[in-house]
N, C-alpha and C. Protein backbone atom coordinates (compact mmCIF):
# COMPACT_ATOMS: atom_id res chain seq x y z
N MET A 1 93.70 66.58 113.00
CA MET A 1 92.60 66.73 113.93
C MET A 1 92.91 67.81 114.95
N ALA A 2 94.15 67.88 115.41
CA ALA A 2 94.54 68.92 116.36
C ALA A 2 94.38 70.29 115.72
N GLU A 3 94.61 70.34 114.40
CA GLU A 3 94.46 71.61 113.68
C GLU A 3 92.99 72.06 113.67
N GLU A 4 92.04 71.12 113.52
CA GLU A 4 90.62 71.45 113.53
C GLU A 4 90.20 71.99 114.89
N GLU A 5 90.68 71.39 115.98
CA GLU A 5 90.34 71.85 117.31
C GLU A 5 90.85 73.26 117.55
N GLU A 6 92.07 73.54 117.07
CA GLU A 6 92.64 74.86 117.23
C GLU A 6 91.83 75.90 116.48
N THR A 7 91.38 75.58 115.26
CA THR A 7 90.60 76.51 114.46
C THR A 7 89.26 76.80 115.12
N SER A 8 88.57 75.79 115.64
CA SER A 8 87.26 76.01 116.23
C SER A 8 87.33 76.84 117.50
N SER A 9 88.43 76.77 118.24
CA SER A 9 88.53 77.56 119.47
C SER A 9 88.82 79.03 119.16
N GLU A 10 89.25 79.33 117.92
CA GLU A 10 89.56 80.70 117.55
C GLU A 10 88.49 81.30 116.64
N GLU A 11 87.32 80.65 116.51
CA GLU A 11 86.28 81.15 115.63
C GLU A 11 85.76 82.49 116.10
N THR A 12 85.38 83.31 115.14
CA THR A 12 84.78 84.61 115.45
C THR A 12 83.35 84.38 115.93
N PRO A 13 82.96 84.98 117.04
CA PRO A 13 81.57 84.82 117.52
C PRO A 13 80.60 85.34 116.47
N GLU A 14 79.43 84.67 116.34
CA GLU A 14 78.45 85.06 115.34
C GLU A 14 77.56 86.20 115.81
N THR A 15 77.35 86.34 117.11
CA THR A 15 76.49 87.40 117.63
C THR A 15 77.21 88.14 118.75
N VAL A 16 76.69 89.31 119.11
CA VAL A 16 77.26 90.06 120.22
C VAL A 16 77.13 89.24 121.50
N GLY A 17 75.99 88.55 121.65
CA GLY A 17 75.79 87.70 122.82
C GLY A 17 76.85 86.63 122.94
N ASP A 18 77.22 86.00 121.82
CA ASP A 18 78.28 84.99 121.83
C ASP A 18 79.61 85.61 122.26
N ALA A 19 79.88 86.82 121.79
CA ALA A 19 81.12 87.49 122.14
C ALA A 19 81.16 87.80 123.63
N LEU A 20 80.02 88.21 124.19
CA LEU A 20 79.97 88.52 125.62
C LEU A 20 80.17 87.27 126.46
N GLU A 21 79.60 86.16 126.04
CA GLU A 21 79.76 84.92 126.79
C GLU A 21 81.20 84.45 126.74
N ALA A 22 81.89 84.72 125.64
CA ALA A 22 83.27 84.29 125.50
C ALA A 22 84.21 85.17 126.32
N SER A 23 83.77 86.35 126.66
CA SER A 23 84.61 87.30 127.39
C SER A 23 84.34 87.20 128.89
N GLU A 24 85.39 87.23 129.68
CA GLU A 24 85.23 87.21 131.13
C GLU A 24 84.91 88.60 131.66
N LYS A 25 85.37 89.65 130.98
CA LYS A 25 85.12 91.03 131.39
C LYS A 25 84.33 91.73 130.31
N LEU A 26 83.33 92.50 130.70
CA LEU A 26 82.52 93.22 129.72
C LEU A 26 83.11 94.57 129.37
N THR A 27 83.85 95.19 130.26
CA THR A 27 84.50 96.48 130.07
C THR A 27 83.57 97.53 129.46
N GLU A 28 84.02 98.23 128.40
CA GLU A 28 83.25 99.32 127.83
C GLU A 28 81.94 98.86 127.19
N LEU A 29 81.90 97.65 126.70
CA LEU A 29 80.70 97.13 126.05
C LEU A 29 79.54 97.05 127.04
N ASP A 30 79.84 96.89 128.29
CA ASP A 30 78.81 96.81 129.33
C ASP A 30 77.94 98.07 129.33
N ALA A 31 78.50 99.21 129.03
CA ALA A 31 77.74 100.47 129.01
C ALA A 31 76.74 100.51 127.86
N LEU A 32 76.93 99.73 126.82
CA LEU A 32 76.06 99.75 125.65
C LEU A 32 74.88 98.78 125.74
N LEU A 33 74.89 97.88 126.69
CA LEU A 33 73.89 96.83 126.72
C LEU A 33 72.47 97.32 126.95
N ASP A 34 72.29 98.50 127.52
CA ASP A 34 70.95 99.05 127.75
C ASP A 34 70.55 100.09 126.71
N VAL A 35 71.34 100.28 125.67
CA VAL A 35 71.03 101.26 124.63
C VAL A 35 69.93 100.69 123.73
N SER A 36 68.88 101.48 123.50
CA SER A 36 67.79 101.05 122.62
C SER A 36 68.17 101.29 121.16
N VAL A 37 67.76 100.36 120.31
CA VAL A 37 68.00 100.45 118.88
C VAL A 37 66.66 100.30 118.17
N ASP A 38 66.38 101.17 117.22
CA ASP A 38 65.14 101.13 116.45
C ASP A 38 65.29 100.09 115.35
N ILE A 39 64.50 99.00 115.39
CA ILE A 39 64.56 97.94 114.39
C ILE A 39 63.37 98.10 113.46
N THR A 40 63.64 98.08 112.15
CA THR A 40 62.60 98.23 111.13
C THR A 40 62.70 97.09 110.14
N ALA A 41 61.56 96.47 109.83
CA ALA A 41 61.50 95.44 108.80
C ALA A 41 60.90 96.08 107.55
N VAL A 42 61.66 96.11 106.47
CA VAL A 42 61.23 96.78 105.23
C VAL A 42 60.71 95.71 104.26
N LEU A 43 59.40 95.72 104.05
CA LEU A 43 58.78 94.76 103.14
C LEU A 43 59.06 95.10 101.69
N GLY A 44 59.20 96.38 101.40
CA GLY A 44 59.46 96.84 100.04
C GLY A 44 59.24 98.34 99.98
N THR A 45 59.50 98.91 98.82
CA THR A 45 59.32 100.34 98.63
C THR A 45 58.65 100.59 97.29
N THR A 46 58.17 101.81 97.13
CA THR A 46 57.61 102.24 95.85
C THR A 46 57.70 103.76 95.78
N MET A 47 57.65 104.30 94.58
CA MET A 47 57.62 105.75 94.38
C MET A 47 56.29 106.08 93.73
N MET A 48 55.65 107.13 94.23
CA MET A 48 54.41 107.59 93.62
C MET A 48 54.27 109.07 93.86
N PRO A 49 53.58 109.75 92.95
CA PRO A 49 53.37 111.19 93.13
C PRO A 49 52.52 111.45 94.37
N ILE A 50 52.71 112.59 94.98
CA ILE A 50 51.95 112.96 96.18
C ILE A 50 50.46 112.98 95.90
N SER A 51 50.08 113.35 94.67
CA SER A 51 48.65 113.37 94.32
C SER A 51 48.04 111.97 94.43
N GLN A 52 48.81 110.95 94.08
CA GLN A 52 48.35 109.56 94.19
C GLN A 52 48.30 109.13 95.65
N VAL A 53 49.28 109.56 96.45
CA VAL A 53 49.28 109.24 97.88
C VAL A 53 48.05 109.83 98.55
N LEU A 54 47.70 111.04 98.19
CA LEU A 54 46.54 111.71 98.78
C LEU A 54 45.22 111.02 98.42
N GLN A 55 45.21 110.26 97.35
CA GLN A 55 43.99 109.55 96.94
C GLN A 55 43.86 108.18 97.59
N LEU A 56 44.90 107.73 98.30
CA LEU A 56 44.83 106.42 98.95
C LEU A 56 43.79 106.46 100.07
N GLY A 57 43.04 105.41 100.18
CA GLY A 57 42.03 105.30 101.23
C GLY A 57 42.03 103.89 101.79
N ARG A 58 41.13 103.66 102.70
CA ARG A 58 41.01 102.34 103.33
C ARG A 58 40.82 101.27 102.25
N GLY A 59 41.60 100.21 102.33
CA GLY A 59 41.51 99.11 101.38
C GLY A 59 42.38 99.29 100.15
N ALA A 60 43.03 100.44 100.01
CA ALA A 60 43.90 100.67 98.85
C ALA A 60 45.09 99.70 98.91
N VAL A 61 45.51 99.26 97.78
CA VAL A 61 46.67 98.35 97.68
C VAL A 61 47.79 99.10 96.97
N VAL A 62 48.97 99.09 97.58
CA VAL A 62 50.15 99.73 97.01
C VAL A 62 51.13 98.63 96.63
N GLU A 63 51.47 98.54 95.36
CA GLU A 63 52.41 97.52 94.88
C GLU A 63 53.83 97.93 95.26
N LEU A 64 54.57 96.99 95.83
CA LEU A 64 55.95 97.24 96.25
C LEU A 64 56.93 96.65 95.25
N ASN A 65 58.20 97.00 95.40
CA ASN A 65 59.24 96.58 94.47
C ASN A 65 59.82 95.20 94.77
N ARG A 66 59.19 94.45 95.63
CA ARG A 66 59.74 93.16 96.04
C ARG A 66 58.71 92.06 95.82
N ALA A 67 59.16 90.90 95.33
CA ALA A 67 58.27 89.76 95.14
C ALA A 67 57.91 89.15 96.49
N ALA A 68 56.80 88.46 96.55
CA ALA A 68 56.31 87.88 97.80
C ALA A 68 57.29 86.86 98.40
N ASP A 69 58.05 86.18 97.55
CA ASP A 69 58.97 85.17 98.06
C ASP A 69 60.40 85.70 98.30
N GLU A 70 60.63 86.99 98.10
CA GLU A 70 61.95 87.59 98.35
C GLU A 70 62.14 87.91 99.82
N ASP A 71 63.40 87.87 100.26
CA ASP A 71 63.71 88.27 101.63
C ASP A 71 63.42 89.75 101.83
N ILE A 72 63.05 90.11 103.05
CA ILE A 72 62.86 91.52 103.39
C ILE A 72 64.15 92.06 104.00
N GLU A 73 64.25 93.37 104.11
CA GLU A 73 65.42 94.00 104.73
C GLU A 73 65.12 94.29 106.19
N ILE A 74 66.12 94.12 107.03
CA ILE A 74 66.01 94.45 108.45
C ILE A 74 67.03 95.53 108.74
N HIS A 75 66.54 96.66 109.24
CA HIS A 75 67.39 97.82 109.50
C HIS A 75 67.46 98.07 111.01
N ALA A 76 68.63 98.47 111.48
CA ALA A 76 68.82 98.93 112.85
C ALA A 76 69.26 100.39 112.75
N ASN A 77 68.46 101.28 113.33
CA ASN A 77 68.73 102.72 113.23
C ASN A 77 68.99 103.14 111.79
N ASN A 78 68.12 102.71 110.89
CA ASN A 78 68.15 103.06 109.46
C ASN A 78 69.34 102.51 108.69
N ARG A 79 70.05 101.55 109.26
CA ARG A 79 71.17 100.91 108.55
C ARG A 79 70.83 99.45 108.31
N LEU A 80 71.00 98.99 107.07
CA LEU A 80 70.73 97.59 106.73
C LEU A 80 71.67 96.69 107.54
N VAL A 81 71.10 95.76 108.32
CA VAL A 81 71.92 94.88 109.14
C VAL A 81 71.66 93.40 108.84
N ALA A 82 70.53 93.09 108.19
CA ALA A 82 70.21 91.69 107.93
C ALA A 82 69.10 91.59 106.89
N THR A 83 68.91 90.36 106.40
CA THR A 83 67.75 90.05 105.56
C THR A 83 67.02 88.89 106.22
N GLY A 84 65.76 88.78 105.91
CA GLY A 84 64.99 87.71 106.52
C GLY A 84 63.64 87.55 105.86
N GLU A 85 62.76 86.83 106.55
CA GLU A 85 61.42 86.61 106.02
C GLU A 85 60.39 86.83 107.10
N VAL A 86 59.21 87.21 106.68
CA VAL A 86 58.11 87.45 107.61
C VAL A 86 57.57 86.10 108.07
N VAL A 87 57.33 85.97 109.38
CA VAL A 87 56.75 84.77 109.95
C VAL A 87 55.55 85.17 110.81
N VAL A 88 54.64 84.24 111.03
CA VAL A 88 53.49 84.48 111.88
C VAL A 88 53.69 83.69 113.16
N ILE A 89 53.60 84.40 114.29
CA ILE A 89 53.75 83.78 115.61
C ILE A 89 52.43 84.01 116.34
N GLU A 90 51.64 82.94 116.45
CA GLU A 90 50.27 83.04 116.96
C GLU A 90 49.52 84.07 116.13
N ASP A 91 49.10 85.20 116.70
CA ASP A 91 48.36 86.19 115.92
C ASP A 91 49.19 87.44 115.64
N ARG A 92 50.53 87.32 115.73
CA ARG A 92 51.41 88.47 115.52
C ARG A 92 52.41 88.16 114.42
N LEU A 93 52.93 89.23 113.82
CA LEU A 93 53.97 89.07 112.80
C LEU A 93 55.35 89.13 113.44
N GLY A 94 56.29 88.41 112.86
CA GLY A 94 57.67 88.45 113.31
C GLY A 94 58.58 88.37 112.10
N VAL A 95 59.86 88.39 112.34
CA VAL A 95 60.85 88.29 111.27
C VAL A 95 61.87 87.23 111.64
N SER A 96 62.11 86.32 110.73
CA SER A 96 63.14 85.31 110.89
C SER A 96 64.37 85.78 110.11
N ILE A 97 65.50 85.91 110.78
CA ILE A 97 66.72 86.42 110.13
C ILE A 97 67.38 85.29 109.35
N ASN A 98 67.62 85.54 108.07
CA ASN A 98 68.29 84.57 107.19
C ASN A 98 69.77 84.86 107.02
N GLU A 99 70.12 86.14 106.99
CA GLU A 99 71.52 86.51 106.77
C GLU A 99 71.82 87.83 107.48
N VAL A 100 72.92 87.85 108.22
CA VAL A 100 73.39 89.08 108.85
C VAL A 100 74.34 89.75 107.88
N ILE A 101 74.13 91.03 107.64
CA ILE A 101 74.98 91.79 106.72
C ILE A 101 76.18 92.32 107.49
N ARG A 102 77.35 91.90 107.10
CA ARG A 102 78.58 92.34 107.76
C ARG A 102 79.04 93.67 107.16
N LEU A 103 79.45 94.58 108.03
CA LEU A 103 79.98 95.86 107.55
C LEU A 103 81.40 95.69 107.05
N PRO A 104 81.76 96.41 105.98
CA PRO A 104 83.15 96.37 105.53
C PRO A 104 84.08 96.88 106.62
N LYS A 105 85.33 96.44 106.60
CA LYS A 105 86.32 96.85 107.61
C LYS A 105 86.42 98.36 107.73
N SER A 106 86.21 99.09 106.61
CA SER A 106 86.33 100.55 106.64
C SER A 106 85.28 101.18 107.55
N PHE A 107 84.14 100.50 107.79
CA PHE A 107 83.08 101.03 108.65
C PHE A 107 83.31 100.66 110.11
N THR A 108 84.07 99.61 110.37
CA THR A 108 84.23 99.11 111.74
C THR A 108 85.46 99.68 112.42
N GLY A 109 86.27 100.40 111.72
CA GLY A 109 87.42 101.05 112.34
C GLY A 109 88.61 100.29 112.16
């Protein structure tokens, strides 16, 4: 049981917010907290000739490469960071995150 307590106190934080709460000093990370990040939810993609794109009009339907029940991709500054699903919040769309994509050690330094 003592071993379980020791393991839980050394767990890696799941979010940046958790890491900040665990830290008494923010140091260099404090400078990044106001940086804006462009978040994009990718429902799917398709390839089509430009001639077909030019013929698209109001009400046109474009078939995507993803099934309706598949997770969508969530990108931060054009980098895949998570997968999730589309949700409706009152009269607006949102995204529920199902899995955070961890970068390989070679990308994190």
